[in-house]
C-alpha atoms as a PDB file:
ATOM      1  CA  UNK A   1     103.377  97.292 105.127  1.00  0.00           C
ATOM      2  CA  UNK A   2     102.486  93.790 105.929  1.00  0.00           C
ATOM      3  CA  UNK A   3     106.298  92.984 106.669  1.00  0.00           C
ATOM      4  CA  UNK A   4     106.482  96.002 108.923  1.00  0.00           C
ATOM      5  CA  UNK A   5     103.312  94.911 111.008  1.00  0.00           C
ATOM      6  CA  UNK A   6     104.477  91.334 111.132  1.00  0.00           C
ATOM      7  CA  UNK A   7     107.814  92.489 112.488  1.00  0.00           C
ATOM      8  CA  UNK A   8     106.008  94.735 114.985  1.00  0.00           C
ATOM      9  CA  UNK A   9     103.781  92.017 116.363  1.00  0.00           C
ATOM     10  CA  UNK A  10     106.880  89.570 116.490  1.00  0.00           C
ATOM     11  CA  UNK A  11     108.606  92.119 118.690  1.00  0.00           C
ATOM     12  CA  UNK A  12     105.436  92.644 120.863  1.00  0.00           C
ATOM     13  CA  UNK A  13     105.175  88.803 121.454  1.00  0.00           C
ATOM     14  CA  UNK A  14     108.914  88.968 122.765  1.00  0.00           C
ATOM     15  CA  UNK A  15     108.214  92.012 124.850  1.00  0.00           C
ATOM     16  CA  UNK A  16     104.806  90.740 126.214  1.00  0.00           C
ATOM     17  CA  UNK A  17     105.871  87.029 126.377  1.00  0.00           C
ATOM     18  CA  UNK A  18     102.387  86.311 125.219  1.00  0.00           C
ATOM     19  CA  UNK A  19      99.396  87.392 123.122  1.00  0.00           C
ATOM     20  CA  UNK A  20      99.920  90.857 121.398  1.00  0.00           C
ATOM     21  CA  UNK A  21      97.184  93.466 122.148  1.00  0.00           C
ATOM     22  CA  UNK A  22      95.857  95.272 119.035  1.00  0.00           C
ATOM     23  CA  UNK A  23      93.463  98.195 119.030  1.00  0.00           C
ATOM     24  CA  UNK A  24      91.792  98.723 115.472  1.00  0.00           C
ATOM     25  CA  UNK A  25      90.146 102.248 115.294  1.00  0.00           C
ATOM     26  CA  UNK A  26      87.753 102.542 112.358  1.00  0.00           C
ATOM     27  CA  UNK A  27      88.326  98.917 111.335  1.00  0.00           C
ATOM     28  CA  UNK A  28      84.771  97.745 111.884  1.00  0.00           C
ATOM     29  CA  UNK A  29      84.217  95.322 108.973  1.00  0.00           C
ATOM     30  CA  UNK A  30      87.451  93.279 110.046  1.00  0.00           C
ATOM     31  CA  UNK A  31      89.717  93.726 106.961  1.00  0.00           C
ATOM     32  CA  UNK A  32      92.711  93.823 109.492  1.00  0.00           C
ATOM     33  CA  UNK A  33      91.138  92.419 112.607  1.00  0.00           C
ATOM     34  CA  UNK A  34      90.203  89.049 111.423  1.00  0.00           C
ATOM     35  CA  UNK A  35      93.761  88.236 109.885  1.00  0.00           C
ATOM     36  CA  UNK A  36      95.364  89.525 113.104  1.00  0.00           C
ATOM     37  CA  UNK A  37      93.345  87.520 115.281  1.00  0.00           C
ATOM     38  CA  UNK A  38      93.990  84.501 113.040  1.00  0.00           C
ATOM     39  CA  UNK A  39      97.557  85.292 113.646  1.00  0.00           C
ATOM     40  CA  UNK A  40      97.196  85.012 117.340  1.00  0.00           C
ATOM     41  CA  UNK A  41      96.527  88.571 118.510  1.00  0.00           C
ATOM     42  CA  UNK A  42      93.860  89.857 120.856  1.00  0.00           C
ATOM     43  CA  UNK A  43      92.045  92.520 118.773  1.00  0.00           C
ATOM     44  CA  UNK A  44      89.793  95.284 120.013  1.00  0.00           C
ATOM     45  CA  UNK A  45      87.748  96.977 117.192  1.00  0.00           C
ATOM     46  CA  UNK A  46      86.192 100.411 117.779  1.00  0.00           C
ATOM     47  CA  UNK A  47      84.087 101.681 115.016  1.00  0.00           C
ATOM     48  CA  UNK A  48      81.092 104.133 114.953  1.00  0.00           C
ATOM     49  CA  UNK A  49      79.102 102.043 112.481  1.00  0.00           C
ATOM     50  CA  UNK A  50      76.840  99.095 113.843  1.00  0.00           C
ATOM     51  CA  UNK A  51      76.579  97.654 110.365  1.00  0.00           C
ATOM     52  CA  UNK A  52      80.378  97.485 110.004  1.00  0.00           C
ATOM     53  CA  UNK A  53      80.652  95.723 113.584  1.00  0.00           C
ATOM     54  CA  UNK A  54      77.925  93.370 112.514  1.00  0.00           C
ATOM     55  CA  UNK A  55      80.015  92.386 109.342  1.00  0.00           C
ATOM     56  CA  UNK A  56      83.038  92.051 111.549  1.00  0.00           C
ATOM     57  CA  UNK A  57      81.351  89.657 113.966  1.00  0.00           C
ATOM     58  CA  UNK A  58      80.201  87.431 110.961  1.00  0.00           C
ATOM     59  CA  UNK A  59      83.650  87.462 109.576  1.00  0.00           C
ATOM     60  CA  UNK A  60      85.142  86.438 112.902  1.00  0.00           C
ATOM     61  CA  UNK A  61      82.686  83.700 113.483  1.00  0.00           C
ATOM     62  CA  UNK A  62      83.352  82.354 109.926  1.00  0.00           C
ATOM     63  CA  UNK A  63      87.167  82.374 110.580  1.00  0.00           C
ATOM     64  CA  UNK A  64      86.779  80.849 113.969  1.00  0.00           C
ATOM     65  CA  UNK A  65      88.389  83.753 115.812  1.00  0.00           C
ATOM     66  CA  UNK A  66      85.381  85.420 117.396  1.00  0.00           C
ATOM     67  CA  UNK A  67      86.705  84.901 120.864  1.00  0.00           C
ATOM     68  CA  UNK A  68      89.865  86.739 120.136  1.00  0.00           C
ATOM     69  CA  UNK A  69      87.961  89.934 118.691  1.00  0.00           C
ATOM     70  CA  UNK A  70      86.196  92.437 121.014  1.00  0.00           C
ATOM     71  CA  UNK A  71      83.917  94.695 118.810  1.00  0.00           C
ATOM     72  CA  UNK A  72      82.614  98.121 120.402  1.00  0.00           C
ATOM     73  CA  UNK A  73      80.714 100.982 118.837  1.00  0.00           C
ATOM     74  CA  UNK A  74      82.491 104.351 119.378  1.00  0.00           C
ATOM     75  CA  UNK A  75      85.130 106.694 117.871  1.00  0.00           C
ATOM     76  CA  UNK A  76      88.454 108.076 118.895  1.00  0.00           C
ATOM     77  CA  UNK A  77      86.855 110.054 121.737  1.00  0.00           C
ATOM     78  CA  UNK A  78      86.042 106.547 123.424  1.00  0.00           C
ATOM     79  CA  UNK A  79      89.550 105.136 123.256  1.00  0.00           C
ATOM     80  CA  UNK A  80      90.452 106.371 126.729  1.00  0.00           C
ATOM     81  CA  UNK A  81      87.747 103.980 128.365  1.00  0.00           C
ATOM     82  CA  UNK A  82      87.579 101.125 125.806  1.00  0.00           C
ATOM     83  CA  UNK A  83      91.130 100.347 124.936  1.00  0.00           C
ATOM     84  CA  UNK A  84      93.308  97.579 126.569  1.00  0.00           C
ATOM     85  CA  UNK A  85      93.971  98.622 130.333  1.00  0.00           C
ATOM     86  CA  UNK A  86      97.750  98.716 130.018  1.00  0.00           C
ATOM     87  CA  UNK A  87      97.603 100.063 126.456  1.00  0.00           C
ATOM     88  CA  UNK A  88      97.745  98.369 123.116  1.00  0.00           C
ATOM     89  CA  UNK A  89     101.035  96.863 121.736  1.00  0.00           C
ATOM     90  CA  UNK A  90      99.780  98.069 118.246  1.00  0.00           C
ATOM     91  CA  UNK A  91      97.176 100.698 117.405  1.00  0.00           C
ATOM     92  CA  UNK A  92      95.839 100.666 113.749  1.00  0.00           C
ATOM     93  CA  UNK A  93      94.260 103.901 112.342  1.00  0.00           C
ATOM     94  CA  UNK A  94      93.909 102.606 108.738  1.00  0.00           C
ATOM     95  CA  UNK A  95      91.750 104.702 106.384  1.00  0.00           C
ATOM     96  CA  UNK A  96      90.687 106.708 109.500  1.00  0.00           C
ATOM     97  CA  UNK A  97      92.498 110.226 109.279  1.00  0.00           C
ATOM     98  CA  UNK A  98      90.800 111.122 105.724  1.00  0.00           C
ATOM     99  CA  UNK A  99      87.389 111.266 107.509  1.00  0.00           C
ATOM    100  CA  UNK A 100      87.885 112.641 111.098  1.00  0.00           C
ATOM    101  CA  UNK A 101      87.066 116.255 111.950  1.00  0.00           C
ATOM    102  CA  UNK A 102      90.143 116.687 113.907  1.00  0.00           C
ATOM    103  CA  UNK A 103      93.460 115.050 112.913  1.00  0.00           C
ATOM    104  CA  UNK A 104      95.568 116.208 115.895  1.00  0.00           C
ATOM    105  CA  UNK A 105      93.020 115.280 118.374  1.00  0.00           C
ATOM    106  CA  UNK A 106      92.494 111.841 116.599  1.00  0.00           C
ATOM    107  CA  UNK A 107      96.055 111.115 116.584  1.00  0.00           C
ATOM    108  CA  UNK A 108      96.651 112.030 120.254  1.00  0.00           C
ATOM    109  CA  UNK A 109      93.880 109.532 121.154  1.00  0.00           C
ATOM    110  CA  UNK A 110      95.745 106.908 119.130  1.00  0.00           C
ATOM    111  CA  UNK A 111      98.889 107.663 120.875  1.00  0.00           C
ATOM    112  CA  UNK A 112      97.384 107.718 124.357  1.00  0.00           C
ATOM    113  CA  UNK A 113      95.828 104.365 123.735  1.00  0.00           C
ATOM    114  CA  UNK A 114      99.204 102.658 122.862  1.00  0.00           C
ATOM    115  CA  UNK A 115     101.375 101.060 125.572  1.00  0.00           C
ATOM    116  CA  UNK A 116     104.649 102.668 126.300  1.00  0.00           C
ATOM    117  CA  UNK A 117     107.057 101.515 123.511  1.00  0.00           C
ATOM    118  CA  UNK A 118     104.009 100.412 121.434  1.00  0.00           C
ATOM    119  CA  UNK A 119     103.529 101.585 117.874  1.00  0.00           C
ATOM    120  CA  UNK A 120     100.767 103.309 115.959  1.00  0.00           C
ATOM    121  CA  UNK A 121     100.250 102.212 112.296  1.00  0.00           C
ATOM    122  CA  UNK A 122      98.486 104.719 109.940  1.00  0.00           C
ATOM    123  CA  UNK A 123      97.298 104.215 106.451  1.00  0.00           C
ATOM    124  CA  UNK A 124      96.278 107.096 104.428  1.00  0.00           C
ATOM    125  CA  UNK A 125      95.328 108.110 100.917  1.00  0.00           C
ATOM    126  CA  UNK A 126      98.217 109.812  98.991  1.00  0.00           C
ATOM    127  CA  UNK A 127      97.128 113.153  97.606  1.00  0.00           C
ATOM    128  CA  UNK A 128      99.846 113.133  94.694  1.00  0.00           C
ATOM    129  CA  UNK A 129      98.705 109.639  93.478  1.00  0.00           C
ATOM    130  CA  UNK A 130      95.150 111.099  93.257  1.00  0.00           C
ATOM    131  CA  UNK A 131      96.453 114.049  91.467  1.00  0.00           C
ATOM    132  CA  UNK A 132      98.264 111.630  88.757  1.00  0.00           C
ATOM    133  CA  UNK A 133      95.495 109.204  88.522  1.00  0.00           C
ATOM    134  CA  UNK A 134      92.997 111.977  87.551  1.00  0.00           C
ATOM    135  CA  UNK A 135      95.436 113.541  85.123  1.00  0.00           C
ATOM    136  CA  UNK A 136      96.143 110.213  83.271  1.00  0.00           C
ATOM    137  CA  UNK A 137      92.323 109.627  83.078  1.00  0.00           C
ATOM    138  CA  UNK A 138      91.832 113.015  81.314  1.00  0.00           C
ATOM    139  CA  UNK A 139      90.221 114.607  84.326  1.00  0.00           C
ATOM    140  CA  UNK A 140      92.886 117.499  84.356  1.00  0.00           C
ATOM    141  CA  UNK A 141      90.585 120.148  86.032  1.00  0.00           C
ATOM    142  CA  UNK A 142      90.091 117.783  88.895  1.00  0.00           C
ATOM    143  CA  UNK A 143      93.820 117.039  89.141  1.00  0.00           C
ATOM    144  CA  UNK A 144      94.664 120.709  89.373  1.00  0.00           C
ATOM    145  CA  UNK A 145      92.082 121.322  91.950  1.00  0.00           C
ATOM    146  CA  UNK A 146      93.456 118.363  93.941  1.00  0.00           C
ATOM    147  CA  UNK A 147      96.930 119.685  93.574  1.00  0.00           C
ATOM    148  CA  UNK A 148      96.092 123.267  94.492  1.00  0.00           C
ATOM    149  CA  UNK A 149      93.887 122.474  97.590  1.00  0.00           C
ATOM    150  CA  UNK A 150      95.996 122.529 100.786  1.00  0.00           C
ATOM    151  CA  UNK A 151      94.065 119.411 102.175  1.00  0.00           C
ATOM    152  CA  UNK A 152      94.110 117.658  98.712  1.00  0.00           C
ATOM    153  CA  UNK A 153      90.290 117.342  98.574  1.00  0.00           C
ATOM    154  CA  UNK A 154      87.634 117.945  95.962  1.00  0.00           C
ATOM    155  CA  UNK A 155      85.219 120.065  97.809  1.00  0.00           C
ATOM    156  CA  UNK A 156      81.738 119.805  96.352  1.00  0.00           C
ATOM    157  CA  UNK A 157      82.432 117.092  93.866  1.00  0.00           C
ATOM    158  CA  UNK A 158      79.924 114.334  93.754  1.00  0.00           C
ATOM    159  CA  UNK A 159      81.278 110.948  95.219  1.00  0.00           C
ATOM    160  CA  UNK A 160      84.348 112.408  96.843  1.00  0.00           C
ATOM    161  CA  UNK A 161      83.693 111.795 100.548  1.00  0.00           C
ATOM    162  CA  UNK A 162      87.326 112.491 101.888  1.00  0.00           C
ATOM    163  CA  UNK A 163      87.861 115.435 104.187  1.00  0.00           C
ATOM    164  CA  UNK A 164      91.503 115.524 103.132  1.00  0.00           C
ATOM    165  CA  UNK A 165      94.383 113.608 101.506  1.00  0.00           C
ATOM    166  CA  UNK A 166      97.987 113.432 102.731  1.00  0.00           C
ATOM    167  CA  UNK A 167     101.695 113.495 101.256  1.00  0.00           C
ATOM    168  CA  UNK A 168     104.503 112.064 103.094  1.00  0.00           C
ATOM    169  CA  UNK A 169     105.822 115.288 104.546  1.00  0.00           C
ATOM    170  CA  UNK A 170     102.362 116.206 106.111  1.00  0.00           C
ATOM    171  CA  UNK A 171     101.973 112.701 107.424  1.00  0.00           C
ATOM    172  CA  UNK A 172     105.200 112.699 109.086  1.00  0.00           C
ATOM    173  CA  UNK A 173     104.517 116.166 110.567  1.00  0.00           C
ATOM    174  CA  UNK A 174     101.270 115.290 112.081  1.00  0.00           C
ATOM    175  CA  UNK A 175     102.555 112.158 113.575  1.00  0.00           C
ATOM    176  CA  UNK A 176     105.505 113.913 115.341  1.00  0.00           C
ATOM    177  CA  UNK A 177     103.053 116.568 116.581  1.00  0.00           C
ATOM    178  CA  UNK A 178     101.054 113.945 118.248  1.00  0.00           C
ATOM    179  CA  UNK A 179     104.268 112.709 120.295  1.00  0.00           C
ATOM    180  CA  UNK A 180     105.306 109.775 117.927  1.00  0.00           C
ATOM    181  CA  UNK A 181     108.714 109.180 116.777  1.00  0.00           C
ATOM    182  CA  UNK A 182     108.290 108.142 112.962  1.00  0.00           C
ATOM    183  CA  UNK A 183     110.180 104.986 112.091  1.00  0.00           C
ATOM    184  CA  UNK A 184     108.934 104.428 108.616  1.00  0.00           C
ATOM    185  CA  UNK A 185     106.682 105.896 105.919  1.00  0.00           C
ATOM    186  CA  UNK A 186     106.320 103.601 102.954  1.00  0.00           C
ATOM    187  CA  UNK A 187     103.889 103.543  99.916  1.00  0.00           C
ATOM    188  CA  UNK A 188     101.312 100.929  99.274  1.00  0.00           C
ATOM    189  CA  UNK A 189     100.260 100.474  95.638  1.00  0.00           C
ATOM    190  CA  UNK A 190     103.513 102.229  94.166  1.00  0.00           C
ATOM    191  CA  UNK A 191     103.343 100.415  90.882  1.00  0.00           C
ATOM    192  CA  UNK A 192     100.808  97.666  91.149  1.00  0.00           C
ATOM    193  CA  UNK A 193      97.874  99.974  90.582  1.00  0.00           C
ATOM    194  CA  UNK A 194      99.494 101.237  87.414  1.00  0.00           C
ATOM    195  CA  UNK A 195     100.411  98.059  85.670  1.00  0.00           C
ATOM    196  CA  UNK A 196      97.454  96.433  83.591  1.00  0.00           C
ATOM    197  CA  UNK A 197      96.517  92.835  84.809  1.00  0.00           C
ATOM    198  CA  UNK A 198      96.548  91.774  81.192  1.00  0.00           C
ATOM    199  CA  UNK A 199     100.451  92.336  81.217  1.00  0.00           C
ATOM    200  CA  UNK A 200     100.811  90.170  84.335  1.00  0.00           C
ATOM    201  CA  UNK A 201      98.766  87.548  82.796  1.00  0.00           C
ATOM    202  CA  UNK A 202     100.459  87.515  79.385  1.00  0.00           C
ATOM    203  CA  UNK A 203     104.169  87.849  80.545  1.00  0.00           C
ATOM    204  CA  UNK A 204     106.032  85.086  82.219  1.00  0.00           C
ATOM    205  CA  UNK A 205     107.431  86.127  85.657  1.00  0.00           C
ATOM    206  CA  UNK A 206     105.911  89.595  85.390  1.00  0.00           C
ATOM    207  CA  UNK A 207     103.700  89.078  88.543  1.00  0.00           C
ATOM    208  CA  UNK A 208     106.786  88.056  90.683  1.00  0.00           C
ATOM    209  CA  UNK A 209     108.814  90.786  89.313  1.00  0.00           C
ATOM    210  CA  UNK A 210     106.217  93.437  90.028  1.00  0.00           C
ATOM    211  CA  UNK A 211     105.712  92.084  93.732  1.00  0.00           C
ATOM    212  CA  UNK A 212     109.615  92.343  94.191  1.00  0.00           C
ATOM    213  CA  UNK A 213     109.746  95.727  92.637  1.00  0.00           C
ATOM    214  CA  UNK A 214     106.631  96.889  94.655  1.00  0.00           C
ATOM    215  CA  UNK A 215     108.580  96.117  97.899  1.00  0.00           C
ATOM    216  CA  UNK A 216     111.841  97.833  96.819  1.00  0.00           C
ATOM    217  CA  UNK A 217     109.913 100.933  95.641  1.00  0.00           C
ATOM    218  CA  UNK A 218     107.722 101.144  98.776  1.00  0.00           C
ATOM    219  CA  UNK A 219     110.373 102.981 100.751  1.00  0.00           C
ATOM    220  CA  UNK A 220     112.146 104.743  97.852  1.00  0.00           C
ATOM    221  CA  UNK A 221     111.562 108.348  97.035  1.00  0.00           C
ATOM    222  CA  UNK A 222     110.420 109.517  94.534  1.00  0.00           C
ATOM    223  CA  UNK A 223     108.594 106.307  93.633  1.00  0.00           C
ATOM    224  CA  UNK A 224     107.042 106.395  97.203  1.00  0.00           C
ATOM    225  CA  UNK A 225     105.358 109.764  96.564  1.00  0.00           C
ATOM    226  CA  UNK A 226     103.074 108.454  93.789  1.00  0.00           C
ATOM    227  CA  UNK A 227     101.781 105.431  95.816  1.00  0.00           C
ATOM    228  CA  UNK A 228      98.067 105.084  96.008  1.00  0.00           C
ATOM    229  CA  UNK A 229      98.497 104.944  99.873  1.00  0.00           C
ATOM    230  CA  UNK A 230     101.011 105.888 102.417  1.00  0.00           C
ATOM    231  CA  UNK A 231     101.814 103.790 105.461  1.00  0.00           C
ATOM    232  CA  UNK A 232     103.376 105.223 108.419  1.00  0.00           C
ATOM    233  CA  UNK A 233     104.630 103.624 111.757  1.00  0.00           C
ATOM    234  CA  UNK A 234     105.207 105.659 114.676  1.00  0.00           C
ATOM    235  CA  UNK A 235     106.682 104.789 118.025  1.00  0.00           C
ATOM    236  CA  UNK A 236     105.248 105.744 121.328  1.00  0.00           C
ATOM    237  CA  UNK A 237     108.099 106.869 124.046  1.00  0.00           C
ATOM    238  CA  UNK A 238     108.841 104.059 126.572  1.00  0.00           C
END
């Protein structure tokens, strides 16, 4: 995923001949915003949580990039008035769609906030990985419920706050319905979340081999289909 975003930003720099504009929706704590600002981007972060935005501002100050980050309280309904005037080169919706009430409306807002020819990056929880993880942990009844539920959720279960989980087919469908051309769907955490840390520590070269395997497996079905998360990049028509 990181390589995909780096390539997108490199293209945005050439296209804009300057500083790429990034709009990070729901990224209030700065997990993505601070590294992107450190890489030279101008980042607008929109998040409904004042606590998350306060964390973002502290992290930005500590990293010395506070002047490159604009923090605004709001949600997808506010994007029309708070986004960059000419649209963002890259719009992030990472860890967002699992929680919103209306996925199509939220994706339309993300798409509208991007500049013509810009991109929308979406990162979501993979339902099949959640099924597999619970089955392997012996929580077979939960795994069956997740598998059967059309939205991939565990309604009524304590601790499960997600409104939905996605598979690659559903993710591609909702992105296309929002008017995006889907350029890539890749897995994140295909194998790295399954390999015990003790194996990597005790076996020479295992960590490097796993990193290489992870990159190769990220775009390869069926391995992609069991990744912990799914990352998709959609292109806005020029």
